[in-house]
């Protein structure tokens, strides 16, 4: 296998730190989700993150980084991330955090399928088998017929699908727009979506469901307690930092190079699950998570090996050169 180039080191460092911050954010949102509505947490998080980004740009006289002529792509990317975050957090509130994070990591499987179906790239039998193994891992984790199986258990998978599409747009935007600009536009879309949801359901008119995910979504807004204000502020800070780091990673480095390093989020998530809720995955869950993670790592490593470095129209490196052997 070809070695990672030294030029990829900054992108790898950005993604590792971003995963640490995002895993901690996930744990805090799961904790706060027992009291506050999802859209209230997201609105508070995004207002804080946007304010921090603007303060940094003003202090460094770099407001010009927010300029763009591609607002439609920014809005589309933001809406995809809103959908991804919402479905993930709605699943997270009803599941152990490690299992939810592991199921979210079917994203590389969706990227592989999209590469074949949308971009016309050739995907050989090895990666197709890896895709099947990954989705088999999802089935093992949710265990049809068990108490875990249900609509909410599949929400992290839906989050992974929208996340995969969003990363393709990130790569396209990264050719012309700054990481800070992309992070800022995403937070603005989050604010608009959260305000809209708050106007529709923030008074609790639709509350009363026994489903934990729907309860999280439809719970009425409430004034934060003094003890929770610092936690909400920390969520916003973590979001601002992670958004910039992830955008920088994906705009500067090929996704096939840095994607394997996203999997470091799983041990982080398992640690928070154990420390905060005493969650310990059983043997079956570990088997399913292993299938998901193993298949994802195989796909991104295999793609890196076959990569020619010739960009496709979307800005993603071609996975299979015409002369490459079937994979």
C-alpha atoms as a PDB file:
ATOM      1  CA  UNK A   1       0.000   0.000   0.000  1.00  0.00           C
ATOM      2  CA  UNK A   2       1.293   3.458  -0.839  1.00  0.00           C
ATOM      3  CA  UNK A   3       2.402   5.568   2.108  1.00  0.00           C
ATOM      4  CA  UNK A   4       0.447   8.602   3.242  1.00  0.00           C
ATOM      5  CA  UNK A   5       2.189  11.687   1.871  1.00  0.00           C
ATOM      6  CA  UNK A   6       3.730  14.094   4.357  1.00  0.00           C
ATOM      7  CA  UNK A   7       1.515  16.806   2.869  1.00  0.00           C
ATOM      8  CA  UNK A   8      -1.518  14.998   4.275  1.00  0.00           C
ATOM      9  CA  UNK A   9      -0.333  15.326   7.882  1.00  0.00           C
ATOM     10  CA  UNK A  10      -2.121  18.646   8.591  1.00  0.00           C
ATOM     11  CA  UNK A  11      -5.416  17.264   7.258  1.00  0.00           C
ATOM     12  CA  UNK A  12      -5.026  14.106   9.335  1.00  0.00           C
ATOM     13  CA  UNK A  13      -4.276  16.138  12.470  1.00  0.00           C
ATOM     14  CA  UNK A  14      -7.344  18.308  11.822  1.00  0.00           C
ATOM     15  CA  UNK A  15      -9.652  15.321  11.480  1.00  0.00           C
ATOM     16  CA  UNK A  16      -8.345  13.536  14.598  1.00  0.00           C
ATOM     17  CA  UNK A  17      -8.810  16.606  16.798  1.00  0.00           C
ATOM     18  CA  UNK A  18     -12.215  17.260  15.212  1.00  0.00           C
ATOM     19  CA  UNK A  19     -13.318  13.709  16.059  1.00  0.00           C
ATOM     20  CA  UNK A  20     -12.286  14.169  19.685  1.00  0.00           C
ATOM     21  CA  UNK A  21     -14.245  17.414  19.931  1.00  0.00           C
ATOM     22  CA  UNK A  22     -17.294  16.037  18.135  1.00  0.00           C
ATOM     23  CA  UNK A  23     -17.411  12.900  20.270  1.00  0.00           C
ATOM     24  CA  UNK A  24     -17.420  15.051  23.393  1.00  0.00           C
ATOM     25  CA  UNK A  25     -20.112  17.233  21.843  1.00  0.00           C
ATOM     26  CA  UNK A  26     -22.201  14.106  21.169  1.00  0.00           C
ATOM     27  CA  UNK A  27     -21.917  13.076  24.802  1.00  0.00           C
ATOM     28  CA  UNK A  28     -22.941  16.532  26.018  1.00  0.00           C
ATOM     29  CA  UNK A  29     -25.937  16.676  23.667  1.00  0.00           C
ATOM     30  CA  UNK A  30     -27.077  13.228  24.795  1.00  0.00           C
ATOM     31  CA  UNK A  31     -26.784  14.437  28.398  1.00  0.00           C
ATOM     32  CA  UNK A  32     -28.650  17.708  27.747  1.00  0.00           C
ATOM     33  CA  UNK A  33     -31.225  15.874  25.623  1.00  0.00           C
ATOM     34  CA  UNK A  34     -32.817  14.492  28.780  1.00  0.00           C
ATOM     35  CA  UNK A  35     -34.002  18.027  29.587  1.00  0.00           C
ATOM     36  CA  UNK A  36     -34.009  20.219  26.485  1.00  0.00           C
ATOM     37  CA  UNK A  37     -35.463  19.948  22.968  1.00  0.00           C
ATOM     38  CA  UNK A  38     -33.124  19.097  20.095  1.00  0.00           C
ATOM     39  CA  UNK A  39     -33.793  22.311  18.183  1.00  0.00           C
ATOM     40  CA  UNK A  40     -33.262  24.432  21.302  1.00  0.00           C
ATOM     41  CA  UNK A  41     -29.859  22.822  21.891  1.00  0.00           C
ATOM     42  CA  UNK A  42     -28.912  23.169  18.217  1.00  0.00           C
ATOM     43  CA  UNK A  43     -29.993  26.821  18.086  1.00  0.00           C
ATOM     44  CA  UNK A  44     -28.001  27.669  21.206  1.00  0.00           C
ATOM     45  CA  UNK A  45     -25.009  25.731  19.883  1.00  0.00           C
ATOM     46  CA  UNK A  46     -25.089  27.423  16.479  1.00  0.00           C
ATOM     47  CA  UNK A  47     -25.562  30.960  17.821  1.00  0.00           C
ATOM     48  CA  UNK A  48     -22.524  30.502  20.076  1.00  0.00           C
ATOM     49  CA  UNK A  49     -20.479  28.903  17.284  1.00  0.00           C
ATOM     50  CA  UNK A  50     -21.390  31.652  14.797  1.00  0.00           C
ATOM     51  CA  UNK A  51     -20.547  34.375  17.296  1.00  0.00           C
ATOM     52  CA  UNK A  52     -17.162  32.823  18.003  1.00  0.00           C
ATOM     53  CA  UNK A  53     -16.352  32.503  14.310  1.00  0.00           C
ATOM     54  CA  UNK A  54     -17.290  36.132  13.655  1.00  0.00           C
ATOM     55  CA  UNK A  55     -15.253  37.370  16.626  1.00  0.00           C
ATOM     56  CA  UNK A  56     -12.176  35.534  15.382  1.00  0.00           C
ATOM     57  CA  UNK A  57     -12.621  36.877  11.842  1.00  0.00           C
ATOM     58  CA  UNK A  58     -13.098  40.451  13.053  1.00  0.00           C
ATOM     59  CA  UNK A  59     -10.111  40.221  15.406  1.00  0.00           C
ATOM     60  CA  UNK A  60      -7.900  38.941  12.606  1.00  0.00           C
ATOM     61  CA  UNK A  61      -9.379  41.236   9.896  1.00  0.00           C
ATOM     62  CA  UNK A  62     -10.343  38.229   7.780  1.00  0.00           C
ATOM     63  CA  UNK A  63     -14.050  38.790   7.161  1.00  0.00           C
ATOM     64  CA  UNK A  64     -13.290  38.491   3.449  1.00  0.00           C
ATOM     65  CA  UNK A  65     -13.087  34.728   3.971  1.00  0.00           C
ATOM     66  CA  UNK A  66     -16.890  34.667   4.141  1.00  0.00           C
ATOM     67  CA  UNK A  67     -17.258  35.871   0.561  1.00  0.00           C
ATOM     68  CA  UNK A  68     -18.653  33.391  -1.915  1.00  0.00           C
ATOM     69  CA  UNK A  69     -20.527  33.263  -5.198  1.00  0.00           C
ATOM     70  CA  UNK A  70     -21.792  29.742  -4.542  1.00  0.00           C
ATOM     71  CA  UNK A  71     -24.487  30.340  -1.932  1.00  0.00           C
ATOM     72  CA  UNK A  72     -26.739  27.669  -3.426  1.00  0.00           C
ATOM     73  CA  UNK A  73     -24.111  24.998  -2.725  1.00  0.00           C
ATOM     74  CA  UNK A  74     -23.549  26.389   0.762  1.00  0.00           C
ATOM     75  CA  UNK A  75     -27.269  26.201   1.523  1.00  0.00           C
ATOM     76  CA  UNK A  76     -27.566  22.698   0.057  1.00  0.00           C
ATOM     77  CA  UNK A  77     -24.553  21.555   2.093  1.00  0.00           C
ATOM     78  CA  UNK A  78     -26.001  23.131   5.230  1.00  0.00           C
ATOM     79  CA  UNK A  79     -29.390  21.466   4.767  1.00  0.00           C
ATOM     80  CA  UNK A  80     -27.721  18.097   4.276  1.00  0.00           C
ATOM     81  CA  UNK A  81     -25.758  18.584   7.486  1.00  0.00           C
ATOM     82  CA  UNK A  82     -28.922  19.665   9.337  1.00  0.00           C
ATOM     83  CA  UNK A  83     -30.582  16.434   8.198  1.00  0.00           C
ATOM     84  CA  UNK A  84     -27.517  14.387   9.125  1.00  0.00           C
ATOM     85  CA  UNK A  85     -27.119  15.947  12.571  1.00  0.00           C
ATOM     86  CA  UNK A  86     -30.822  15.766  13.381  1.00  0.00           C
ATOM     87  CA  UNK A  87     -31.241  12.119  12.484  1.00  0.00           C
ATOM     88  CA  UNK A  88     -28.038  11.184  14.277  1.00  0.00           C
ATOM     89  CA  UNK A  89     -28.951  12.980  17.512  1.00  0.00           C
ATOM     90  CA  UNK A  90     -32.498  11.602  17.455  1.00  0.00           C
ATOM     91  CA  UNK A  91     -31.015   8.117  17.241  1.00  0.00           C
ATOM     92  CA  UNK A  92     -28.327   8.922  19.807  1.00  0.00           C
ATOM     93  CA  UNK A  93     -30.856   9.865  22.475  1.00  0.00           C
ATOM     94  CA  UNK A  94     -32.444   6.399  22.252  1.00  0.00           C
ATOM     95  CA  UNK A  95     -29.298   4.268  21.810  1.00  0.00           C
ATOM     96  CA  UNK A  96     -25.976   3.633  23.539  1.00  0.00           C
ATOM     97  CA  UNK A  97     -23.554   6.237  22.201  1.00  0.00           C
ATOM     98  CA  UNK A  98     -20.949   3.744  20.920  1.00  0.00           C
ATOM     99  CA  UNK A  99     -23.526   1.812  18.865  1.00  0.00           C
ATOM    100  CA  UNK A 100     -24.965   5.015  17.390  1.00  0.00           C
ATOM    101  CA  UNK A 101     -21.513   6.295  16.394  1.00  0.00           C
ATOM    102  CA  UNK A 102     -20.549   2.924  14.900  1.00  0.00           C
ATOM    103  CA  UNK A 103     -23.703   2.810  12.765  1.00  0.00           C
ATOM    104  CA  UNK A 104     -23.013   6.324  11.557  1.00  0.00           C
ATOM    105  CA  UNK A 105     -19.724   5.031  10.174  1.00  0.00           C
ATOM    106  CA  UNK A 106     -21.478   3.318   7.289  1.00  0.00           C
ATOM    107  CA  UNK A 107     -20.928   6.683   5.551  1.00  0.00           C
ATOM    108  CA  UNK A 108     -17.950   5.352   3.510  1.00  0.00           C
ATOM    109  CA  UNK A 109     -20.212   2.575   2.252  1.00  0.00           C
ATOM    110  CA  UNK A 110     -22.668   5.162   0.953  1.00  0.00           C
ATOM    111  CA  UNK A 111     -19.810   7.146  -0.591  1.00  0.00           C
ATOM    112  CA  UNK A 112     -18.728   4.004  -2.449  1.00  0.00           C
ATOM    113  CA  UNK A 113     -22.248   3.383  -3.733  1.00  0.00           C
ATOM    114  CA  UNK A 114     -22.640   7.024  -4.762  1.00  0.00           C
ATOM    115  CA  UNK A 115     -19.312   6.882  -6.591  1.00  0.00           C
ATOM    116  CA  UNK A 116     -20.628   3.997  -8.665  1.00  0.00           C
ATOM    117  CA  UNK A 117     -24.198   5.204  -9.195  1.00  0.00           C
ATOM    118  CA  UNK A 118     -23.685   8.951  -9.540  1.00  0.00           C
ATOM    119  CA  UNK A 119     -20.080   9.470 -10.609  1.00  0.00           C
ATOM    120  CA  UNK A 120     -19.868   6.378 -12.786  1.00  0.00           C
ATOM    121  CA  UNK A 121     -16.749   5.047 -11.082  1.00  0.00           C
ATOM    122  CA  UNK A 122     -16.014   1.343 -11.365  1.00  0.00           C
ATOM    123  CA  UNK A 123     -16.368  -0.479  -8.047  1.00  0.00           C
ATOM    124  CA  UNK A 124     -15.113  -4.046  -8.101  1.00  0.00           C
ATOM    125  CA  UNK A 125     -16.193  -7.134  -6.149  1.00  0.00           C
ATOM    126  CA  UNK A 126     -13.899  -6.591  -3.159  1.00  0.00           C
ATOM    127  CA  UNK A 127     -15.390  -3.261  -2.228  1.00  0.00           C
ATOM    128  CA  UNK A 128     -18.901  -4.459  -3.016  1.00  0.00           C
ATOM    129  CA  UNK A 129     -18.366  -7.333  -0.571  1.00  0.00           C
ATOM    130  CA  UNK A 130     -17.085  -4.826   1.964  1.00  0.00           C
ATOM    131  CA  UNK A 131     -20.266  -2.775   1.514  1.00  0.00           C
ATOM    132  CA  UNK A 132     -22.374  -5.884   2.133  1.00  0.00           C
ATOM    133  CA  UNK A 133     -20.309  -6.743   5.206  1.00  0.00           C
ATOM    134  CA  UNK A 134     -20.775  -3.248   6.576  1.00  0.00           C
ATOM    135  CA  UNK A 135     -24.531  -3.308   6.196  1.00  0.00           C
ATOM    136  CA  UNK A 136     -24.548  -6.803   7.704  1.00  0.00           C
ATOM    137  CA  UNK A 137     -22.839  -5.195  10.687  1.00  0.00           C
ATOM    138  CA  UNK A 138     -25.747  -2.769  10.977  1.00  0.00           C
ATOM    139  CA  UNK A 139     -28.167  -5.703  11.089  1.00  0.00           C
ATOM    140  CA  UNK A 140     -26.059  -7.347  13.808  1.00  0.00           C
ATOM    141  CA  UNK A 141     -26.025  -4.167  15.909  1.00  0.00           C
ATOM    142  CA  UNK A 142     -29.776  -3.495  15.697  1.00  0.00           C
ATOM    143  CA  UNK A 143     -30.672  -7.220  16.033  1.00  0.00           C
ATOM    144  CA  UNK A 144     -34.087  -7.530  14.365  1.00  0.00           C
ATOM    145  CA  UNK A 145     -36.508  -8.954  16.889  1.00  0.00           C
ATOM    146  CA  UNK A 146     -34.681  -7.436  19.853  1.00  0.00           C
ATOM    147  CA  UNK A 147     -35.667  -4.422  21.910  1.00  0.00           C
ATOM    148  CA  UNK A 148     -33.050  -2.282  20.170  1.00  0.00           C
ATOM    149  CA  UNK A 149     -34.490  -2.760  16.695  1.00  0.00           C
ATOM    150  CA  UNK A 150     -36.858  -0.080  15.468  1.00  0.00           C
ATOM    151  CA  UNK A 151     -37.115   3.033  13.350  1.00  0.00           C
ATOM    152  CA  UNK A 152     -34.957   5.077  15.708  1.00  0.00           C
ATOM    153  CA  UNK A 153     -32.158   2.503  15.539  1.00  0.00           C
ATOM    154  CA  UNK A 154     -31.808   3.193  11.813  1.00  0.00           C
ATOM    155  CA  UNK A 155     -31.620   6.969  12.220  1.00  0.00           C
ATOM    156  CA  UNK A 156     -27.779   6.963  12.445  1.00  0.00           C
ATOM    157  CA  UNK A 157     -27.737   5.123   9.103  1.00  0.00           C
ATOM    158  CA  UNK A 158     -29.882   7.862   7.546  1.00  0.00           C
ATOM    159  CA  UNK A 159     -27.478  10.371   9.075  1.00  0.00           C
ATOM    160  CA  UNK A 160     -24.575   8.591   7.382  1.00  0.00           C
ATOM    161  CA  UNK A 161     -26.263   8.736   3.975  1.00  0.00           C
ATOM    162  CA  UNK A 162     -26.847  12.491   4.105  1.00  0.00           C
ATOM    163  CA  UNK A 163     -23.368  13.028   5.546  1.00  0.00           C
ATOM    164  CA  UNK A 164     -21.813  11.198   2.592  1.00  0.00           C
ATOM    165  CA  UNK A 165     -23.557  13.480   0.110  1.00  0.00           C
ATOM    166  CA  UNK A 166     -22.561  16.516   2.157  1.00  0.00           C
ATOM    167  CA  UNK A 167     -18.878  15.566   2.011  1.00  0.00           C
ATOM    168  CA  UNK A 168     -19.007  15.437  -1.780  1.00  0.00           C
ATOM    169  CA  UNK A 169     -20.291  19.024  -1.767  1.00  0.00           C
ATOM    170  CA  UNK A 170     -17.579  19.950   0.753  1.00  0.00           C
ATOM    171  CA  UNK A 171     -14.919  18.778  -1.665  1.00  0.00           C
ATOM    172  CA  UNK A 172     -16.466  20.820  -4.490  1.00  0.00           C
ATOM    173  CA  UNK A 173     -16.766  23.962  -2.388  1.00  0.00           C
ATOM    174  CA  UNK A 174     -13.262  23.530  -0.988  1.00  0.00           C
ATOM    175  CA  UNK A 175     -11.784  24.280  -4.384  1.00  0.00           C
ATOM    176  CA  UNK A 176     -12.972  27.903  -4.169  1.00  0.00           C
ATOM    177  CA  UNK A 177     -14.200  28.683  -0.641  1.00  0.00           C
ATOM    178  CA  UNK A 178     -12.474  28.822   2.747  1.00  0.00           C
ATOM    179  CA  UNK A 179     -12.978  26.358   5.595  1.00  0.00           C
ATOM    180  CA  UNK A 180     -14.154  29.203   7.837  1.00  0.00           C
ATOM    181  CA  UNK A 181     -16.677  30.310   5.235  1.00  0.00           C
ATOM    182  CA  UNK A 182     -18.105  26.812   4.955  1.00  0.00           C
ATOM    183  CA  UNK A 183     -18.306  26.451   8.732  1.00  0.00           C
ATOM    184  CA  UNK A 184     -20.056  29.825   9.034  1.00  0.00           C
ATOM    185  CA  UNK A 185     -22.631  29.092   6.334  1.00  0.00           C
ATOM    186  CA  UNK A 186     -23.470  25.733   7.930  1.00  0.00           C
ATOM    187  CA  UNK A 187     -24.139  27.375  11.284  1.00  0.00           C
ATOM    188  CA  UNK A 188     -26.392  29.975   9.626  1.00  0.00           C
ATOM    189  CA  UNK A 189     -28.454  27.197   8.061  1.00  0.00           C
ATOM    190  CA  UNK A 190     -28.642  25.467  11.455  1.00  0.00           C
ATOM    191  CA  UNK A 191     -29.909  28.694  13.029  1.00  0.00           C
ATOM    192  CA  UNK A 192     -32.607  29.147  10.378  1.00  0.00           C
ATOM    193  CA  UNK A 193     -33.746  25.522  10.645  1.00  0.00           C
ATOM    194  CA  UNK A 194     -33.797  25.587  14.453  1.00  0.00           C
ATOM    195  CA  UNK A 195     -35.759  28.840  14.614  1.00  0.00           C
ATOM    196  CA  UNK A 196     -38.261  27.406  12.159  1.00  0.00           C
ATOM    197  CA  UNK A 197     -38.648  24.229  14.189  1.00  0.00           C
ATOM    198  CA  UNK A 198     -38.955  26.266  17.365  1.00  0.00           C
ATOM    199  CA  UNK A 199     -41.785  28.342  15.896  1.00  0.00           C
ATOM    200  CA  UNK A 200     -43.621  25.182  14.868  1.00  0.00           C
ATOM    201  CA  UNK A 201     -43.087  22.963  17.930  1.00  0.00           C
ATOM    202  CA  UNK A 202     -41.241  24.997  20.562  1.00  0.00           C
ATOM    203  CA  UNK A 203     -44.361  25.548  22.666  1.00  0.00           C
ATOM    204  CA  UNK A 204     -44.758  21.787  23.131  1.00  0.00           C
ATOM    205  CA  UNK A 205     -48.038  21.533  21.236  1.00  0.00           C
ATOM    206  CA  UNK A 206     -46.923  18.237  19.675  1.00  0.00           C
ATOM    207  CA  UNK A 207     -45.262  16.806  22.806  1.00  0.00           C
ATOM    208  CA  UNK A 208     -46.497  13.727  24.641  1.00  0.00           C
ATOM    209  CA  UNK A 209     -44.993  10.827  22.676  1.00  0.00           C
ATOM    210  CA  UNK A 210     -43.587   7.822  24.525  1.00  0.00           C
ATOM    211  CA  UNK A 211     -40.820   7.455  21.930  1.00  0.00           C
ATOM    212  CA  UNK A 212     -37.560   8.952  23.286  1.00  0.00           C
ATOM    213  CA  UNK A 213     -36.527  10.329  19.885  1.00  0.00           C
ATOM    214  CA  UNK A 214     -39.867  12.060  19.292  1.00  0.00           C
ATOM    215  CA  UNK A 215     -39.828  13.347  22.864  1.00  0.00           C
ATOM    216  CA  UNK A 216     -36.392  14.878  22.211  1.00  0.00           C
ATOM    217  CA  UNK A 217     -37.649  16.462  18.991  1.00  0.00           C
ATOM    218  CA  UNK A 218     -41.011  17.768  20.226  1.00  0.00           C
ATOM    219  CA  UNK A 219     -40.255  18.696  23.835  1.00  0.00           C
ATOM    220  CA  UNK A 220     -41.138  22.348  24.652  1.00  0.00           C
ATOM    221  CA  UNK A 221     -38.362  24.866  25.051  1.00  0.00           C
ATOM    222  CA  UNK A 222     -37.385  25.855  28.577  1.00  0.00           C
ATOM    223  CA  UNK A 223     -35.115  28.377  30.236  1.00  0.00           C
ATOM    224  CA  UNK A 224     -31.709  26.741  30.874  1.00  0.00           C
ATOM    225  CA  UNK A 225     -30.684  26.222  34.477  1.00  0.00           C
ATOM    226  CA  UNK A 226     -27.592  27.955  35.822  1.00  0.00           C
ATOM    227  CA  UNK A 227     -25.728  24.651  35.859  1.00  0.00           C
ATOM    228  CA  UNK A 228     -26.567  23.863  32.226  1.00  0.00           C
ATOM    229  CA  UNK A 229     -25.569  27.228  30.753  1.00  0.00           C
ATOM    230  CA  UNK A 230     -21.824  26.383  30.794  1.00  0.00           C
ATOM    231  CA  UNK A 231     -22.539  23.012  29.171  1.00  0.00           C
ATOM    232  CA  UNK A 232     -24.549  24.639  26.375  1.00  0.00           C
ATOM    233  CA  UNK A 233     -21.725  27.128  25.912  1.00  0.00           C
ATOM    234  CA  UNK A 234     -19.181  24.321  25.714  1.00  0.00           C
ATOM    235  CA  UNK A 235     -21.267  22.567  23.054  1.00  0.00           C
ATOM    236  CA  UNK A 236     -21.150  25.737  20.969  1.00  0.00           C
ATOM    237  CA  UNK A 237     -17.399  26.107  21.436  1.00  0.00           C
ATOM    238  CA  UNK A 238     -16.743  22.486  20.476  1.00  0.00           C
ATOM    239  CA  UNK A 239     -18.966  22.864  17.410  1.00  0.00           C
ATOM    240  CA  UNK A 240     -17.185  25.991  16.182  1.00  0.00           C
ATOM    241  CA  UNK A 241     -13.754  24.411  16.539  1.00  0.00           C
ATOM    242  CA  UNK A 242     -14.726  21.051  15.032  1.00  0.00           C
ATOM    243  CA  UNK A 243     -16.569  22.616  12.074  1.00  0.00           C
ATOM    244  CA  UNK A 244     -13.525  24.602  11.014  1.00  0.00           C
ATOM    245  CA  UNK A 245     -11.176  21.654  11.529  1.00  0.00           C
ATOM    246  CA  UNK A 246     -13.340  19.252   9.511  1.00  0.00           C
ATOM    247  CA  UNK A 247     -13.884  21.702   6.674  1.00  0.00           C
ATOM    248  CA  UNK A 248     -10.149  22.391   6.554  1.00  0.00           C
ATOM    249  CA  UNK A 249      -9.363  18.676   6.535  1.00  0.00           C
ATOM    250  CA  UNK A 250     -11.717  17.851   3.674  1.00  0.00           C
ATOM    251  CA  UNK A 251     -10.890  20.882   1.564  1.00  0.00           C
ATOM    252  CA  UNK A 252      -7.125  20.337   1.779  1.00  0.00           C
ATOM    253  CA  UNK A 253      -6.772  16.543   1.723  1.00  0.00           C
ATOM    254  CA  UNK A 254      -8.327  13.763  -0.345  1.00  0.00           C
ATOM    255  CA  UNK A 255     -11.246  12.106   1.506  1.00  0.00           C
ATOM    256  CA  UNK A 256      -9.756   8.646   0.886  1.00  0.00           C
ATOM    257  CA  UNK A 257      -6.661   9.704   2.815  1.00  0.00           C
ATOM    258  CA  UNK A 258      -8.228  11.177   5.932  1.00  0.00           C
ATOM    259  CA  UNK A 259     -11.484   9.194   6.182  1.00  0.00           C
ATOM    260  CA  UNK A 260      -9.883   6.227   8.032  1.00  0.00           C
ATOM    261  CA  UNK A 261      -8.890   8.574  10.822  1.00  0.00           C
ATOM    262  CA  UNK A 262     -12.517   9.477  11.505  1.00  0.00           C
ATOM    263  CA  UNK A 263     -12.895   6.039  13.112  1.00  0.00           C
ATOM    264  CA  UNK A 264     -10.971   7.225  16.136  1.00  0.00           C
ATOM    265  CA  UNK A 265     -14.308   8.734  17.202  1.00  0.00           C
ATOM    266  CA  UNK A 266     -15.544   5.256  18.161  1.00  0.00           C
ATOM    267  CA  UNK A 267     -13.180   4.651  21.121  1.00  0.00           C
ATOM    268  CA  UNK A 268     -13.807   8.240  22.207  1.00  0.00           C
ATOM    269  CA  UNK A 269     -17.565   7.619  22.136  1.00  0.00           C
ATOM    270  CA  UNK A 270     -17.214   4.336  24.001  1.00  0.00           C
ATOM    271  CA  UNK A 271     -15.225   6.138  26.704  1.00  0.00           C
ATOM    272  CA  UNK A 272     -17.893   8.837  27.163  1.00  0.00           C
ATOM    273  CA  UNK A 273     -20.632   6.183  27.185  1.00  0.00           C
ATOM    274  CA  UNK A 274     -18.892   4.286  29.955  1.00  0.00           C
ATOM    275  CA  UNK A 275     -17.991   7.358  32.012  1.00  0.00           C
ATOM    276  CA  UNK A 276     -21.358   9.135  31.766  1.00  0.00           C
ATOM    277  CA  UNK A 277     -23.899   6.302  31.524  1.00  0.00           C
ATOM    278  CA  UNK A 278     -22.049   3.104  32.409  1.00  0.00           C
ATOM    279  CA  UNK A 279     -22.621   1.754  28.884  1.00  0.00           C
ATOM    280  CA  UNK A 280     -20.558  -1.294  27.927  1.00  0.00           C
ATOM    281  CA  UNK A 281     -21.238  -2.856  24.479  1.00  0.00           C
ATOM    282  CA  UNK A 282     -21.893  -6.605  24.634  1.00  0.00           C
ATOM    283  CA  UNK A 283     -20.181  -9.188  22.434  1.00  0.00           C
ATOM    284  CA  UNK A 284     -22.843  -9.070  19.686  1.00  0.00           C
ATOM    285  CA  UNK A 285     -22.702  -5.284  19.491  1.00  0.00           C
ATOM    286  CA  UNK A 286     -18.898  -5.394  19.328  1.00  0.00           C
ATOM    287  CA  UNK A 287     -19.114  -7.926  16.479  1.00  0.00           C
ATOM    288  CA  UNK A 288     -21.483  -5.699  14.514  1.00  0.00           C
ATOM    289  CA  UNK A 289     -19.362  -2.608  15.155  1.00  0.00           C
ATOM    290  CA  UNK A 290     -16.296  -4.538  14.052  1.00  0.00           C
ATOM    291  CA  UNK A 291     -17.965  -5.428  10.743  1.00  0.00           C
ATOM    292  CA  UNK A 292     -18.960  -1.801  10.151  1.00  0.00           C
ATOM    293  CA  UNK A 293     -15.578  -0.344  11.044  1.00  0.00           C
ATOM    294  CA  UNK A 294     -13.601  -3.069   9.277  1.00  0.00           C
ATOM    295  CA  UNK A 295     -15.544  -2.710   6.043  1.00  0.00           C
ATOM    296  CA  UNK A 296     -15.260   1.068   6.124  1.00  0.00           C
ATOM    297  CA  UNK A 297     -11.509   1.004   6.716  1.00  0.00           C
ATOM    298  CA  UNK A 298     -11.048  -1.575   3.955  1.00  0.00           C
ATOM    299  CA  UNK A 299     -12.987   0.563   1.480  1.00  0.00           C
ATOM    300  CA  UNK A 300     -11.087   3.777   2.111  1.00  0.00           C
ATOM    301  CA  UNK A 301      -7.692   2.014   2.152  1.00  0.00           C
ATOM    302  CA  UNK A 302      -8.510   0.066  -1.008  1.00  0.00           C
ATOM    303  CA  UNK A 303      -9.661   3.240  -2.721  1.00  0.00           C
ATOM    304  CA  UNK A 304      -6.427   4.969  -1.719  1.00  0.00           C
ATOM    305  CA  UNK A 305      -4.401   2.151  -3.240  1.00  0.00           C
ATOM    306  CA  UNK A 306      -6.246   2.422  -6.564  1.00  0.00           C
ATOM    307  CA  UNK A 307      -6.304   6.192  -6.622  1.00  0.00           C
ATOM    308  CA  UNK A 308      -4.541   7.861  -9.558  1.00  0.00           C
ATOM    309  CA  UNK A 309      -4.719  11.410  -8.260  1.00  0.00           C
ATOM    310  CA  UNK A 310      -6.792  12.523 -11.263  1.00  0.00           C
ATOM    311  CA  UNK A 311      -9.753  14.538 -10.021  1.00  0.00           C
ATOM    312  CA  UNK A 312     -13.286  13.766 -11.077  1.00  0.00           C
ATOM    313  CA  UNK A 313     -15.707  16.595 -11.917  1.00  0.00           C
ATOM    314  CA  UNK A 314     -16.739  16.642  -8.245  1.00  0.00           C
ATOM    315  CA  UNK A 315     -13.179  17.100  -7.041  1.00  0.00           C
ATOM    316  CA  UNK A 316     -12.835  13.601  -5.576  1.00  0.00           C
ATOM    317  CA  UNK A 317      -9.924  11.529  -6.752  1.00  0.00           C
ATOM    318  CA  UNK A 318     -10.796   8.738  -9.154  1.00  0.00           C
ATOM    319  CA  UNK A 319     -10.997   5.457  -7.300  1.00  0.00           C
ATOM    320  CA  UNK A 320     -10.345   3.126 -10.201  1.00  0.00           C
ATOM    321  CA  UNK A 321      -8.019   3.988 -13.077  1.00  0.00           C
ATOM    322  CA  UNK A 322      -9.055   2.420 -16.375  1.00  0.00           C
ATOM    323  CA  UNK A 323      -6.148   0.004 -16.254  1.00  0.00           C
ATOM    324  CA  UNK A 324      -6.600  -0.990 -12.621  1.00  0.00           C
ATOM    325  CA  UNK A 325      -7.369  -4.617 -11.861  1.00  0.00           C
ATOM    326  CA  UNK A 326     -10.812  -5.497 -10.622  1.00  0.00           C
ATOM    327  CA  UNK A 327     -11.033  -4.779  -6.899  1.00  0.00           C
END
